[in-house]
C-alpha atoms as a PDB file:
ATOM      1  CA  UNK A   1     -35.260-112.730  57.199  1.00  0.00           C
ATOM      2  CA  UNK A   2     -36.058-112.284  53.281  1.00  0.00           C
ATOM      3  CA  UNK A   3     -39.621-112.160  53.833  1.00  0.00           C
ATOM      4  CA  UNK A   4     -38.757-109.179  56.607  1.00  0.00           C
ATOM      5  CA  UNK A   5     -36.775-107.381  53.327  1.00  0.00           C
ATOM      6  CA  UNK A   6     -39.809-108.137  51.178  1.00  0.00           C
ATOM      7  CA  UNK A   7     -41.786-106.524  53.695  1.00  0.00           C
ATOM      8  CA  UNK A   8     -39.447-102.915  53.812  1.00  0.00           C
ATOM      9  CA  UNK A   9     -39.335-103.025  50.006  1.00  0.00           C
ATOM     10  CA  UNK A  10     -43.109-103.613  49.571  1.00  0.00           C
ATOM     11  CA  UNK A  11     -43.551-100.932  52.294  1.00  0.00           C
ATOM     12  CA  UNK A  12     -41.135 -98.099  50.712  1.00  0.00           C
ATOM     13  CA  UNK A  13     -43.026 -98.094  47.091  1.00  0.00           C
ATOM     14  CA  UNK A  14     -46.580 -97.915  49.271  1.00  0.00           C
ATOM     15  CA  UNK A  15     -45.064 -94.655  51.118  1.00  0.00           C
ATOM     16  CA  UNK A  16     -43.729 -93.116  47.581  1.00  0.00           C
ATOM     17  CA  UNK A  17     -47.093 -93.483  46.347  1.00  0.00           C
ATOM     18  CA  UNK A  18     -48.736 -92.159  48.878  1.00  0.00           C
ATOM     19  CA  UNK A  19     -46.534 -88.774  49.134  1.00  0.00           C
ATOM     20  CA  UNK A  20     -46.982 -88.624  45.293  1.00  0.00           C
ATOM     21  CA  UNK A  21     -50.921 -89.037  45.933  1.00  0.00           C
ATOM     22  CA  UNK A  22     -51.240 -86.099  48.749  1.00  0.00           C
ATOM     23  CA  UNK A  23     -49.159 -83.276  47.201  1.00  0.00           C
ATOM     24  CA  UNK A  24     -50.678 -80.456  46.014  1.00  0.00           C
ATOM     25  CA  UNK A  25     -50.641 -79.996  42.419  1.00  0.00           C
ATOM     26  CA  UNK A  26     -49.307 -76.646  41.555  1.00  0.00           C
ATOM     27  CA  UNK A  27     -51.430 -74.694  39.338  1.00  0.00           C
ATOM     28  CA  UNK A  28     -50.330 -72.102  36.659  1.00  0.00           C
ATOM     29  CA  UNK A  29     -50.242 -68.312  36.967  1.00  0.00           C
ATOM     30  CA  UNK A  30     -53.421 -66.594  38.020  1.00  0.00           C
ATOM     31  CA  UNK A  31     -52.673 -64.168  35.022  1.00  0.00           C
ATOM     32  CA  UNK A  32     -55.846 -63.805  32.757  1.00  0.00           C
ATOM     33  CA  UNK A  33     -57.921 -64.939  36.156  1.00  0.00           C
ATOM     34  CA  UNK A  34     -59.755 -61.623  37.884  1.00  0.00           C
ATOM     35  CA  UNK A  35     -59.663 -60.515  41.189  1.00  0.00           C
ATOM     36  CA  UNK A  36     -62.147 -60.661  44.112  1.00  0.00           C
ATOM     37  CA  UNK A  37     -61.977 -56.460  43.380  1.00  0.00           C
ATOM     38  CA  UNK A  38     -62.094 -56.842  39.320  1.00  0.00           C
ATOM     39  CA  UNK A  39     -65.196 -58.700  39.633  1.00  0.00           C
ATOM     40  CA  UNK A  40     -66.172 -56.965  42.297  1.00  0.00           C
ATOM     41  CA  UNK A  41     -65.759 -53.436  40.321  1.00  0.00           C
ATOM     42  CA  UNK A  42     -67.513 -55.022  37.149  1.00  0.00           C
ATOM     43  CA  UNK A  43     -70.800 -56.309  39.003  1.00  0.00           C
ATOM     44  CA  UNK A  44     -71.399 -52.914  39.717  1.00  0.00           C
ATOM     45  CA  UNK A  45     -74.483 -51.385  38.440  1.00  0.00           C
ATOM     46  CA  UNK A  46     -73.773 -48.612  35.652  1.00  0.00           C
ATOM     47  CA  UNK A  47     -76.678 -45.687  35.526  1.00  0.00           C
ATOM     48  CA  UNK A  48     -77.891 -45.687  32.003  1.00  0.00           C
ATOM     49  CA  UNK A  49     -80.666 -43.168  30.941  1.00  0.00           C
ATOM     50  CA  UNK A  50     -79.706 -40.264  33.169  1.00  0.00           C
ATOM     51  CA  UNK A  51     -81.440 -37.542  31.871  1.00  0.00           C
ATOM     52  CA  UNK A  52     -80.270 -33.807  31.353  1.00  0.00           C
ATOM     53  CA  UNK A  53     -81.932 -30.916  31.885  1.00  0.00           C
ATOM     54  CA  UNK A  54     -81.787 -26.888  31.481  1.00  0.00           C
ATOM     55  CA  UNK A  55     -81.780 -24.110  33.844  1.00  0.00           C
ATOM     56  CA  UNK A  56     -82.994 -21.160  33.296  1.00  0.00           C
ATOM     57  CA  UNK A  57     -83.843 -17.637  34.610  1.00  0.00           C
ATOM     58  CA  UNK A  58     -86.816 -15.772  33.949  1.00  0.00           C
ATOM     59  CA  UNK A  59     -87.331 -12.036  34.513  1.00  0.00           C
ATOM     60  CA  UNK A  60     -90.674 -10.351  34.832  1.00  0.00           C
ATOM     61  CA  UNK A  61     -91.001  -6.417  36.018  1.00  0.00           C
ATOM     62  CA  UNK A  62     -94.657  -4.362  36.703  1.00  0.00           C
ATOM     63  CA  UNK A  63     -94.612  -0.384  36.664  1.00  0.00           C
ATOM     64  CA  UNK A  64     -97.549   0.980  38.258  1.00  0.00           C
ATOM     65  CA  UNK A  65     -97.763   4.783  39.621  1.00  0.00           C
ATOM     66  CA  UNK A  66     -97.721   4.296  43.420  1.00  0.00           C
ATOM     67  CA  UNK A  67    -101.139   5.236  45.286  1.00  0.00           C
ATOM     68  CA  UNK A  68     -99.925   6.499  49.020  1.00  0.00           C
ATOM     69  CA  UNK A  69     -97.574   8.976  50.332  1.00  0.00           C
ATOM     70  CA  UNK A  70     -95.590   8.966  53.375  1.00  0.00           C
ATOM     71  CA  UNK A  71     -94.992  11.927  54.703  1.00  0.00           C
ATOM     72  CA  UNK A  72     -92.257  12.861  57.480  1.00  0.00           C
ATOM     73  CA  UNK A  73     -93.284  15.673  59.422  1.00  0.00           C
ATOM     74  CA  UNK A  74     -93.277  17.529  62.687  1.00  0.00           C
ATOM     75  CA  UNK A  75     -92.233  20.260  65.231  1.00  0.00           C
ATOM     76  CA  UNK A  76     -89.530  21.402  67.144  1.00  0.00           C
ATOM     77  CA  UNK A  77     -88.962  23.777  69.766  1.00  0.00           C
ATOM     78  CA  UNK A  78     -86.950  25.342  72.441  1.00  0.00           C
ATOM     79  CA  UNK A  79     -86.851  26.966  75.516  1.00  0.00           C
ATOM     80  CA  UNK A  80     -84.792  27.353  79.038  1.00  0.00           C
ATOM     81  CA  UNK A  81     -87.070  25.715  80.309  1.00  0.00           C
ATOM     82  CA  UNK A  82     -87.747  22.456  79.773  1.00  0.00           C
ATOM     83  CA  UNK A  83     -91.693  22.597  80.784  1.00  0.00           C
ATOM     84  CA  UNK A  84     -91.928  25.925  78.054  1.00  0.00           C
ATOM     85  CA  UNK A  85     -90.445  24.313  75.249  1.00  0.00           C
ATOM     86  CA  UNK A  86     -92.810  20.584  75.919  1.00  0.00           C
ATOM     87  CA  UNK A  87     -95.730  22.999  76.209  1.00  0.00           C
ATOM     88  CA  UNK A  88     -95.066  25.236  73.014  1.00  0.00           C
ATOM     89  CA  UNK A  89     -94.221  21.623  71.105  1.00  0.00           C
ATOM     90  CA  UNK A  90     -98.073  19.859  72.416  1.00  0.00           C
ATOM     91  CA  UNK A  91     -99.618  23.213  71.171  1.00  0.00           C
ATOM     92  CA  UNK A  92     -97.842  23.410  67.760  1.00  0.00           C
ATOM     93  CA  UNK A  93     -98.038  19.358  67.385  1.00  0.00           C
ATOM     94  CA  UNK A  94    -101.856  19.271  68.239  1.00  0.00           C
ATOM     95  CA  UNK A  95    -102.813  22.397  65.571  1.00  0.00           C
ATOM     96  CA  UNK A  96    -100.631  19.885  63.014  1.00  0.00           C
ATOM     97  CA  UNK A  97    -102.863  17.052  63.737  1.00  0.00           C
ATOM     98  CA  UNK A  98    -105.843  18.869  63.610  1.00  0.00           C
ATOM     99  CA  UNK A  99    -104.643  20.513  60.056  1.00  0.00           C
ATOM    100  CA  UNK A 100    -103.918  16.756  58.810  1.00  0.00           C
ATOM    101  CA  UNK A 101    -107.140  15.487  59.634  1.00  0.00           C
ATOM    102  CA  UNK A 102    -109.271  18.628  58.234  1.00  0.00           C
ATOM    103  CA  UNK A 103    -107.599  17.530  55.034  1.00  0.00           C
ATOM    104  CA  UNK A 104    -108.858  13.873  54.834  1.00  0.00           C
ATOM    105  CA  UNK A 105    -106.003  12.276  56.399  1.00  0.00           C
ATOM    106  CA  UNK A 106    -107.654   9.326  58.834  1.00  0.00           C
ATOM    107  CA  UNK A 107    -106.413   9.117  62.212  1.00  0.00           C
ATOM    108  CA  UNK A 108    -104.771   5.468  61.962  1.00  0.00           C
ATOM    109  CA  UNK A 109    -102.843   6.887  59.258  1.00  0.00           C
ATOM    110  CA  UNK A 110    -100.793   9.325  61.714  1.00  0.00           C
ATOM    111  CA  UNK A 111     -98.678   8.225  63.682  1.00  0.00           C
ATOM    112  CA  UNK A 112     -95.954   9.313  65.767  1.00  0.00           C
ATOM    113  CA  UNK A 113     -92.169   8.547  64.381  1.00  0.00           C
ATOM    114  CA  UNK A 114     -89.976  10.214  67.168  1.00  0.00           C
ATOM    115  CA  UNK A 115     -90.065  11.882  69.965  1.00  0.00           C
ATOM    116  CA  UNK A 116     -87.102  13.316  71.517  1.00  0.00           C
ATOM    117  CA  UNK A 117     -85.836  16.241  74.479  1.00  0.00           C
ATOM    118  CA  UNK A 118     -82.422  17.376  73.827  1.00  0.00           C
ATOM    119  CA  UNK A 119     -80.235  19.660  76.104  1.00  0.00           C
ATOM    120  CA  UNK A 120     -77.915  22.451  74.638  1.00  0.00           C
ATOM    121  CA  UNK A 121     -75.267  23.755  77.139  1.00  0.00           C
ATOM    122  CA  UNK A 122     -73.561  26.939  75.572  1.00  0.00           C
ATOM    123  CA  UNK A 123     -69.952  27.032  76.564  1.00  0.00           C
ATOM    124  CA  UNK A 124     -66.834  29.472  75.760  1.00  0.00           C
ATOM    125  CA  UNK A 125     -65.159  27.511  72.748  1.00  0.00           C
ATOM    126  CA  UNK A 126     -61.785  28.762  74.580  1.00  0.00           C
ATOM    127  CA  UNK A 127     -62.329  28.094  78.145  1.00  0.00           C
ATOM    128  CA  UNK A 128     -65.362  24.929  77.867  1.00  0.00           C
ATOM    129  CA  UNK A 129     -67.032  27.508  80.503  1.00  0.00           C
ATOM    130  CA  UNK A 130     -70.563  27.531  80.629  1.00  0.00           C
ATOM    131  CA  UNK A 131     -71.704  30.970  79.208  1.00  0.00           C
ATOM    132  CA  UNK A 132     -75.766  30.701  79.878  1.00  0.00           C
ATOM    133  CA  UNK A 133     -78.608  28.252  80.989  1.00  0.00           C
ATOM    134  CA  UNK A 134     -79.101  25.047  79.078  1.00  0.00           C
ATOM    135  CA  UNK A 135     -81.493  25.363  76.425  1.00  0.00           C
ATOM    136  CA  UNK A 136     -83.413  22.246  75.948  1.00  0.00           C
ATOM    137  CA  UNK A 137     -84.764  21.174  72.830  1.00  0.00           C
ATOM    138  CA  UNK A 138     -88.016  19.386  71.892  1.00  0.00           C
ATOM    139  CA  UNK A 139     -88.990  16.988  69.115  1.00  0.00           C
ATOM    140  CA  UNK A 140     -92.357  15.710  67.614  1.00  0.00           C
ATOM    141  CA  UNK A 141     -91.663  13.995  64.601  1.00  0.00           C
ATOM    142  CA  UNK A 142     -94.721  11.917  63.005  1.00  0.00           C
ATOM    143  CA  UNK A 143     -95.272   9.511  59.893  1.00  0.00           C
ATOM    144  CA  UNK A 144     -98.612  10.845  57.587  1.00  0.00           C
ATOM    145  CA  UNK A 145     -99.950   8.368  54.769  1.00  0.00           C
ATOM    146  CA  UNK A 146    -101.800  10.099  52.303  1.00  0.00           C
ATOM    147  CA  UNK A 147    -104.151   7.888  50.487  1.00  0.00           C
ATOM    148  CA  UNK A 148    -104.974  10.690  47.846  1.00  0.00           C
ATOM    149  CA  UNK A 149    -102.059  11.878  46.062  1.00  0.00           C
ATOM    150  CA  UNK A 150    -103.631  14.781  44.666  1.00  0.00           C
ATOM    151  CA  UNK A 151    -104.052  16.092  48.618  1.00  0.00           C
ATOM    152  CA  UNK A 152    -100.317  15.828  49.555  1.00  0.00           C
ATOM    153  CA  UNK A 153     -99.944  19.358  48.698  1.00  0.00           C
ATOM    154  CA  UNK A 154    -102.189  20.641  50.345  1.00  0.00           C
ATOM    155  CA  UNK A 155    -102.012  18.550  53.083  1.00  0.00           C
ATOM    156  CA  UNK A 156     -98.468  19.707  53.380  1.00  0.00           C
ATOM    157  CA  UNK A 157     -98.921  22.990  53.370  1.00  0.00           C
ATOM    158  CA  UNK A 158    -101.765  22.962  55.707  1.00  0.00           C
ATOM    159  CA  UNK A 159     -99.509  21.661  58.749  1.00  0.00           C
ATOM    160  CA  UNK A 160     -96.823  24.067  58.079  1.00  0.00           C
ATOM    161  CA  UNK A 161     -99.234  26.531  58.568  1.00  0.00           C
ATOM    162  CA  UNK A 162    -100.257  24.865  61.983  1.00  0.00           C
ATOM    163  CA  UNK A 163     -96.916  24.774  63.595  1.00  0.00           C
ATOM    164  CA  UNK A 164     -94.768  22.075  61.856  1.00  0.00           C
ATOM    165  CA  UNK A 165     -91.470  23.606  60.551  1.00  0.00           C
ATOM    166  CA  UNK A 166     -90.047  20.147  59.659  1.00  0.00           C
ATOM    167  CA  UNK A 167     -90.688  18.349  56.481  1.00  0.00           C
ATOM    168  CA  UNK A 168     -88.268  15.850  56.479  1.00  0.00           C
ATOM    169  CA  UNK A 169     -89.104  13.643  53.977  1.00  0.00           C
ATOM    170  CA  UNK A 170     -91.805  12.667  51.250  1.00  0.00           C
ATOM    171  CA  UNK A 171     -91.915   8.855  49.682  1.00  0.00           C
ATOM    172  CA  UNK A 172     -94.304   6.922  47.510  1.00  0.00           C
ATOM    173  CA  UNK A 173     -95.280   3.186  47.720  1.00  0.00           C
ATOM    174  CA  UNK A 174     -97.684   0.979  46.234  1.00  0.00           C
ATOM    175  CA  UNK A 175    -100.069  -0.210  48.914  1.00  0.00           C
ATOM    176  CA  UNK A 176    -100.756  -3.445  47.896  1.00  0.00           C
ATOM    177  CA  UNK A 177     -97.786  -4.328  46.143  1.00  0.00           C
ATOM    178  CA  UNK A 178     -98.821  -8.213  46.314  1.00  0.00           C
ATOM    179  CA  UNK A 179    -101.357  -7.868  43.718  1.00  0.00           C
ATOM    180  CA  UNK A 180     -98.611  -6.331  41.174  1.00  0.00           C
ATOM    181  CA  UNK A 181     -96.287  -9.183  42.283  1.00  0.00           C
ATOM    182  CA  UNK A 182     -98.441 -12.036  41.147  1.00  0.00           C
ATOM    183  CA  UNK A 183     -98.809  -9.787  37.408  1.00  0.00           C
ATOM    184  CA  UNK A 184     -95.261  -9.851  37.621  1.00  0.00           C
ATOM    185  CA  UNK A 185     -94.082 -13.545  38.420  1.00  0.00           C
ATOM    186  CA  UNK A 186     -96.406 -14.354  35.622  1.00  0.00           C
ATOM    187  CA  UNK A 187     -94.545 -12.570  33.225  1.00  0.00           C
ATOM    188  CA  UNK A 188     -91.368 -14.171  34.318  1.00  0.00           C
ATOM    189  CA  UNK A 189     -92.177 -17.770  33.876  1.00  0.00           C
ATOM    190  CA  UNK A 190     -93.818 -16.826  30.482  1.00  0.00           C
ATOM    191  CA  UNK A 191     -89.882 -15.569  30.348  1.00  0.00           C
ATOM    192  CA  UNK A 192     -88.460 -19.090  31.570  1.00  0.00           C
ATOM    193  CA  UNK A 193     -90.344 -20.531  29.213  1.00  0.00           C
ATOM    194  CA  UNK A 194     -89.157 -18.308  26.133  1.00  0.00           C
ATOM    195  CA  UNK A 195     -86.023 -18.395  26.812  1.00  0.00           C
ATOM    196  CA  UNK A 196     -85.920 -22.443  27.298  1.00  0.00           C
ATOM    197  CA  UNK A 197     -87.399 -23.225  24.539  1.00  0.00           C
ATOM    198  CA  UNK A 198     -85.348 -20.923  22.248  1.00  0.00           C
ATOM    199  CA  UNK A 199     -82.305 -22.836  23.811  1.00  0.00           C
ATOM    200  CA  UNK A 200     -83.491 -26.240  23.487  1.00  0.00           C
ATOM    201  CA  UNK A 201     -84.572 -25.146  19.479  1.00  0.00           C
ATOM    202  CA  UNK A 202     -81.066 -24.346  18.960  1.00  0.00           C
ATOM    203  CA  UNK A 203     -79.856 -27.322  20.726  1.00  0.00           C
ATOM    204  CA  UNK A 204     -81.968 -29.637  18.651  1.00  0.00           C
ATOM    205  CA  UNK A 205     -83.710 -31.012  21.785  1.00  0.00           C
ATOM    206  CA  UNK A 206     -87.317 -30.884  23.396  1.00  0.00           C
ATOM    207  CA  UNK A 207     -88.413 -29.369  26.818  1.00  0.00           C
ATOM    208  CA  UNK A 208     -89.486 -32.145  28.905  1.00  0.00           C
ATOM    209  CA  UNK A 209     -91.544 -31.938  32.748  1.00  0.00           C
ATOM    210  CA  UNK A 210     -90.111 -29.218  35.026  1.00  0.00           C
ATOM    211  CA  UNK A 211     -87.879 -30.149  37.245  1.00  0.00           C
ATOM    212  CA  UNK A 212     -87.927 -27.211  40.107  1.00  0.00           C
ATOM    213  CA  UNK A 213     -88.728 -23.660  40.099  1.00  0.00           C
ATOM    214  CA  UNK A 214     -86.746 -21.283  42.674  1.00  0.00           C
ATOM    215  CA  UNK A 215     -88.304 -17.799  42.999  1.00  0.00           C
ATOM    216  CA  UNK A 216     -84.781 -15.196  43.700  1.00  0.00           C
ATOM    217  CA  UNK A 217     -85.954 -12.817  46.297  1.00  0.00           C
ATOM    218  CA  UNK A 218     -85.279  -9.398  45.627  1.00  0.00           C
ATOM    219  CA  UNK A 219     -85.643  -5.929  47.459  1.00  0.00           C
ATOM    220  CA  UNK A 220     -89.242  -4.457  47.579  1.00  0.00           C
ATOM    221  CA  UNK A 221     -89.807  -1.496  45.402  1.00  0.00           C
ATOM    222  CA  UNK A 222     -87.836   1.406  46.964  1.00  0.00           C
ATOM    223  CA  UNK A 223     -89.956   4.201  47.427  1.00  0.00           C
ATOM    224  CA  UNK A 224     -89.246   7.558  45.483  1.00  0.00           C
ATOM    225  CA  UNK A 225     -88.714  10.399  47.810  1.00  0.00           C
ATOM    226  CA  UNK A 226     -88.926  13.859  47.126  1.00  0.00           C
ATOM    227  CA  UNK A 227     -87.357  16.551  47.600  1.00  0.00           C
ATOM    228  CA  UNK A 228     -88.134  18.103  51.389  1.00  0.00           C
ATOM    229  CA  UNK A 229     -89.842  21.502  51.214  1.00  0.00           C
ATOM    230  CA  UNK A 230     -88.846  24.155  53.585  1.00  0.00           C
ATOM    231  CA  UNK A 231     -91.361  25.246  56.122  1.00  0.00           C
ATOM    232  CA  UNK A 232     -92.290  28.769  55.282  1.00  0.00           C
ATOM    233  CA  UNK A 233     -93.206  26.961  51.604  1.00  0.00           C
ATOM    234  CA  UNK A 234     -96.475  28.546  50.269  1.00  0.00           C
ATOM    235  CA  UNK A 235     -96.840  25.485  47.916  1.00  0.00           C
ATOM    236  CA  UNK A 236     -95.457  22.274  47.878  1.00  0.00           C
ATOM    237  CA  UNK A 237     -95.486  20.527  44.013  1.00  0.00           C
ATOM    238  CA  UNK A 238     -95.484  16.895  43.935  1.00  0.00           C
ATOM    239  CA  UNK A 239     -94.542  14.443  41.400  1.00  0.00           C
ATOM    240  CA  UNK A 240     -95.345  10.868  42.114  1.00  0.00           C
ATOM    241  CA  UNK A 241     -93.618   8.759  39.114  1.00  0.00           C
ATOM    242  CA  UNK A 242     -93.575   5.459  38.988  1.00  0.00           C
ATOM    243  CA  UNK A 243     -92.461   2.208  40.752  1.00  0.00           C
ATOM    244  CA  UNK A 244     -91.092  -1.109  39.907  1.00  0.00           C
ATOM    245  CA  UNK A 245     -91.840  -4.151  41.189  1.00  0.00           C
ATOM    246  CA  UNK A 246     -89.228  -6.958  39.512  1.00  0.00           C
ATOM    247  CA  UNK A 247     -89.713 -10.639  39.908  1.00  0.00           C
ATOM    248  CA  UNK A 248     -86.751 -13.208  38.801  1.00  0.00           C
ATOM    249  CA  UNK A 249     -87.214 -17.065  38.789  1.00  0.00           C
ATOM    250  CA  UNK A 250     -85.005 -19.864  38.297  1.00  0.00           C
ATOM    251  CA  UNK A 251     -86.577 -23.238  36.631  1.00  0.00           C
ATOM    252  CA  UNK A 252     -85.172 -26.134  35.472  1.00  0.00           C
ATOM    253  CA  UNK A 253     -86.653 -28.148  32.632  1.00  0.00           C
ATOM    254  CA  UNK A 254     -85.584 -32.132  31.486  1.00  0.00           C
ATOM    255  CA  UNK A 255     -84.954 -31.909  27.784  1.00  0.00           C
ATOM    256  CA  UNK A 256     -85.622 -35.492  25.775  1.00  0.00           C
END
């Protein structure tokens, strides 16, 4: 009996010791130990040496005298019979074309701009009832290119004398604007560089390599219109003036 008691007492002490050994050791608060998210944030790469740039806009403008004139003229006839109005229009239009060609205008520089037939029905403004037979109006309008500006006036005069009773507009243009646009681009590039160098110098830096160049789309040169002369004019004075071609570019330089 005494042996059993000694065994139980000894076993209890061993159990207490084993329990103490297996109990997890308590740790102090995690203050000062970074969380997993903080570790990831600290290990993220930080960009260094990010380059700075400067963006300027350069403008180049070239002025030049036009070398072509575009004249819109034509024939308008009318009659109570459509066939008669058409026949008269065709006769006068043919005479106008012949007169233009005799003044040195090439056939490929004459083009029909519009051909219309309109019907006018005379009516009483009070009752709205017809007061007569319909009247047919026939319009044949041409676009004519004069490549010799010195002959524009005499060409229009000849067309009017041959039967043209409509001179709607005279516009001047440059036949090959791309050649002048290239010169305007060069001037725009020089202007942009000068602006950028002035800014960089004021900021105490220097220009590096060009990062980007963009040409801003600008409208083409607007044709200059002369006042349309009345059909019975004896002479048509022509003043061509000058046209402007402008190019605008945006350039970004790296600063160093």
